[in-house]
C-alpha atoms as a PDB file:
ATOM      1  CA  UNK A   1      -8.768 -13.038   1.605  1.00  0.00           C
ATOM      2  CA  UNK A   2      -5.833 -11.702  -0.516  1.00  0.00           C
ATOM      3  CA  UNK A   3      -2.752 -13.593   0.317  1.00  0.00           C
ATOM      4  CA  UNK A   4       0.703 -13.163  -1.235  1.00  0.00           C
ATOM      5  CA  UNK A   5       2.577 -16.075  -2.559  1.00  0.00           C
ATOM      6  CA  UNK A   6       5.778 -14.003  -3.156  1.00  0.00           C
ATOM      7  CA  UNK A   7       6.986 -10.573  -2.033  1.00  0.00           C
ATOM      8  CA  UNK A   8      10.121  -8.877  -3.551  1.00  0.00           C
ATOM      9  CA  UNK A   9      11.545  -5.438  -3.699  1.00  0.00           C
ATOM     10  CA  UNK A  10      14.100  -3.278  -5.349  1.00  0.00           C
ATOM     11  CA  UNK A  11      15.296   0.171  -4.520  1.00  0.00           C
ATOM     12  CA  UNK A  12      12.117   1.924  -5.178  1.00  0.00           C
ATOM     13  CA  UNK A  13       9.301  -0.688  -5.504  1.00  0.00           C
ATOM     14  CA  UNK A  14       7.535  -3.483  -3.760  1.00  0.00           C
ATOM     15  CA  UNK A  15       6.410  -6.488  -6.002  1.00  0.00           C
ATOM     16  CA  UNK A  16       3.709  -8.768  -4.805  1.00  0.00           C
ATOM     17  CA  UNK A  17       2.514 -11.897  -6.551  1.00  0.00           C
ATOM     18  CA  UNK A  18      -0.769 -12.963  -5.060  1.00  0.00           C
ATOM     19  CA  UNK A  19      -1.931 -16.612  -4.589  1.00  0.00           C
ATOM     20  CA  UNK A  20      -4.409 -16.197  -7.550  1.00  0.00           C
ATOM     21  CA  UNK A  21      -1.398 -15.333  -9.795  1.00  0.00           C
ATOM     22  CA  UNK A  22      -2.197 -11.511  -9.958  1.00  0.00           C
ATOM     23  CA  UNK A  23       1.002  -9.336  -9.765  1.00  0.00           C
ATOM     24  CA  UNK A  24       1.044  -5.859  -8.102  1.00  0.00           C
ATOM     25  CA  UNK A  25       3.805  -3.226  -8.046  1.00  0.00           C
ATOM     26  CA  UNK A  26       3.899  -0.446  -5.487  1.00  0.00           C
ATOM     27  CA  UNK A  27       6.332   2.513  -5.505  1.00  0.00           C
ATOM     28  CA  UNK A  28       7.368   2.982  -1.873  1.00  0.00           C
ATOM     29  CA  UNK A  29       6.372   6.653  -2.094  1.00  0.00           C
ATOM     30  CA  UNK A  30       2.816   5.558  -3.115  1.00  0.00           C
ATOM     31  CA  UNK A  31       2.702   3.195  -0.172  1.00  0.00           C
ATOM     32  CA  UNK A  32       3.776   6.054   2.111  1.00  0.00           C
ATOM     33  CA  UNK A  33       1.181   8.371   0.617  1.00  0.00           C
ATOM     34  CA  UNK A  34      -1.486   5.690   1.383  1.00  0.00           C
ATOM     35  CA  UNK A  35      -0.364   4.884   4.922  1.00  0.00           C
ATOM     36  CA  UNK A  36      -3.334   3.744   6.943  1.00  0.00           C
ATOM     37  CA  UNK A  37      -1.988   4.794  10.355  1.00  0.00           C
ATOM     38  CA  UNK A  38      -3.809   7.216  12.585  1.00  0.00           C
ATOM     39  CA  UNK A  39      -1.121   9.850  11.946  1.00  0.00           C
ATOM     40  CA  UNK A  40      -1.815   9.826   8.224  1.00  0.00           C
ATOM     41  CA  UNK A  41      -5.566   9.070   8.143  1.00  0.00           C
ATOM     42  CA  UNK A  42      -8.416  10.443  10.293  1.00  0.00           C
ATOM     43  CA  UNK A  43      -9.359   7.588  12.553  1.00  0.00           C
ATOM     44  CA  UNK A  44     -13.103   8.291  12.162  1.00  0.00           C
ATOM     45  CA  UNK A  45     -13.541   9.405   8.524  1.00  0.00           C
ATOM     46  CA  UNK A  46     -10.536   7.596   6.951  1.00  0.00           C
ATOM     47  CA  UNK A  47      -9.694  10.756   5.070  1.00  0.00           C
ATOM     48  CA  UNK A  48      -6.017  11.498   4.418  1.00  0.00           C
ATOM     49  CA  UNK A  49      -4.575  14.036   6.890  1.00  0.00           C
ATOM     50  CA  UNK A  50      -0.951  13.535   5.598  1.00  0.00           C
ATOM     51  CA  UNK A  51       0.364  16.287   3.329  1.00  0.00           C
ATOM     52  CA  UNK A  52       1.642  14.220   0.491  1.00  0.00           C
ATOM     53  CA  UNK A  53       3.664  17.235  -0.735  1.00  0.00           C
ATOM     54  CA  UNK A  54       5.956  16.719   2.279  1.00  0.00           C
ATOM     55  CA  UNK A  55       7.008  13.226   1.148  1.00  0.00           C
ATOM     56  CA  UNK A  56      10.383  13.134  -0.636  1.00  0.00           C
ATOM     57  CA  UNK A  57      10.200  11.913  -4.247  1.00  0.00           C
ATOM     58  CA  UNK A  58      13.165   9.602  -3.545  1.00  0.00           C
ATOM     59  CA  UNK A  59      11.548   7.953  -0.425  1.00  0.00           C
ATOM     60  CA  UNK A  60      12.372   4.319   0.003  1.00  0.00           C
ATOM     61  CA  UNK A  61      11.673   1.551   2.427  1.00  0.00           C
ATOM     62  CA  UNK A  62      14.607   0.815   4.742  1.00  0.00           C
ATOM     63  CA  UNK A  63      12.915  -2.345   6.096  1.00  0.00           C
ATOM     64  CA  UNK A  64       9.880  -4.459   5.551  1.00  0.00           C
ATOM     65  CA  UNK A  65       8.424  -6.980   7.957  1.00  0.00           C
ATOM     66  CA  UNK A  66       5.540  -9.420   7.924  1.00  0.00           C
ATOM     67  CA  UNK A  67       2.934  -8.761  10.647  1.00  0.00           C
ATOM     68  CA  UNK A  68       1.304 -12.044  11.685  1.00  0.00           C
ATOM     69  CA  UNK A  69      -0.166 -13.769   8.595  1.00  0.00           C
ATOM     70  CA  UNK A  70      -2.112 -10.816   7.491  1.00  0.00           C
ATOM     71  CA  UNK A  71      -0.024  -7.751   6.833  1.00  0.00           C
ATOM     72  CA  UNK A  72       3.249  -5.842   6.132  1.00  0.00           C
ATOM     73  CA  UNK A  73       4.920  -3.037   7.923  1.00  0.00           C
ATOM     74  CA  UNK A  74       7.452  -0.699   6.518  1.00  0.00           C
ATOM     75  CA  UNK A  75      10.146   1.506   7.948  1.00  0.00           C
ATOM     76  CA  UNK A  76      10.411   4.394   5.365  1.00  0.00           C
ATOM     77  CA  UNK A  77      13.532   6.616   5.001  1.00  0.00           C
ATOM     78  CA  UNK A  78      11.589   9.615   6.246  1.00  0.00           C
ATOM     79  CA  UNK A  79      11.529   7.949   9.664  1.00  0.00           C
ATOM     80  CA  UNK A  80       7.855   6.949   9.445  1.00  0.00           C
ATOM     81  CA  UNK A  81       6.930   3.341  10.378  1.00  0.00           C
ATOM     82  CA  UNK A  82       3.601   3.312  12.082  1.00  0.00           C
ATOM     83  CA  UNK A  83       1.388   1.918   9.325  1.00  0.00           C
ATOM     84  CA  UNK A  84       0.374  -1.713   9.064  1.00  0.00           C
ATOM     85  CA  UNK A  85      -0.682  -2.610   5.535  1.00  0.00           C
ATOM     86  CA  UNK A  86      -3.132  -5.503   5.583  1.00  0.00           C
ATOM     87  CA  UNK A  87      -2.770  -7.763   2.575  1.00  0.00           C
ATOM     88  CA  UNK A  88      -6.395  -7.070   1.640  1.00  0.00           C
ATOM     89  CA  UNK A  89      -5.627  -3.359   1.748  1.00  0.00           C
ATOM     90  CA  UNK A  90      -2.564  -3.684  -0.421  1.00  0.00           C
ATOM     91  CA  UNK A  91      -4.602  -5.669  -2.980  1.00  0.00           C
ATOM     92  CA  UNK A  92      -7.359  -2.906  -2.781  1.00  0.00           C
ATOM     93  CA  UNK A  93      -4.831  -0.178  -3.588  1.00  0.00           C
ATOM     94  CA  UNK A  94      -3.201  -2.020  -6.489  1.00  0.00           C
ATOM     95  CA  UNK A  95      -2.808   0.406  -9.476  1.00  0.00           C
ATOM     96  CA  UNK A  96      -2.400  -2.119 -12.326  1.00  0.00           C
ATOM     97  CA  UNK A  97      -4.736  -1.525 -15.293  1.00  0.00           C
ATOM     98  CA  UNK A  98      -6.891  -4.592 -14.391  1.00  0.00           C
ATOM     99  CA  UNK A  99      -7.507  -3.418 -10.779  1.00  0.00           C
ATOM    100  CA  UNK A 100      -7.964   0.200 -11.948  1.00  0.00           C
ATOM    101  CA  UNK A 101     -10.553  -0.899 -14.330  1.00  0.00           C
ATOM    102  CA  UNK A 102     -12.353  -2.971 -11.720  1.00  0.00           C
ATOM    103  CA  UNK A 103     -12.146   0.013  -9.273  1.00  0.00           C
ATOM    104  CA  UNK A 104     -13.703   2.294 -11.865  1.00  0.00           C
ATOM    105  CA  UNK A 105     -16.561  -0.243 -12.432  1.00  0.00           C
ATOM    106  CA  UNK A 106     -17.174  -0.487  -8.649  1.00  0.00           C
ATOM    107  CA  UNK A 107     -17.258   3.182  -8.233  1.00  0.00           C
ATOM    108  CA  UNK A 108     -19.649   3.635 -11.109  1.00  0.00           C
ATOM    109  CA  UNK A 109     -21.962   0.909  -9.947  1.00  0.00           C
ATOM    110  CA  UNK A 110     -22.083   2.376  -6.391  1.00  0.00           C
ATOM    111  CA  UNK A 111     -22.601   5.969  -7.448  1.00  0.00           C
END
């Protein structure tokens, strides 16, 4: 299981250092676009139903909180705060070049 060893933020980004030493950066807008809640994703198909064009480019997180020992929750500046981002999900949506390369390989091998 992916577990953070350190979580930090600045005005527009969340920074996670994972226990294996990997470092991830997430723009808050990117996290909002990928919100896993039922208002943003179809509960059965998992497809995004949120219109990302409606998300402000300057969106920020007003508050972050740890949920149990497995996730983070955010209160975004657009008033949305229903999503719970499991640590495993956060690691899965990491956009760093290493994770992107691994994702590409996994998509190719499963195609």
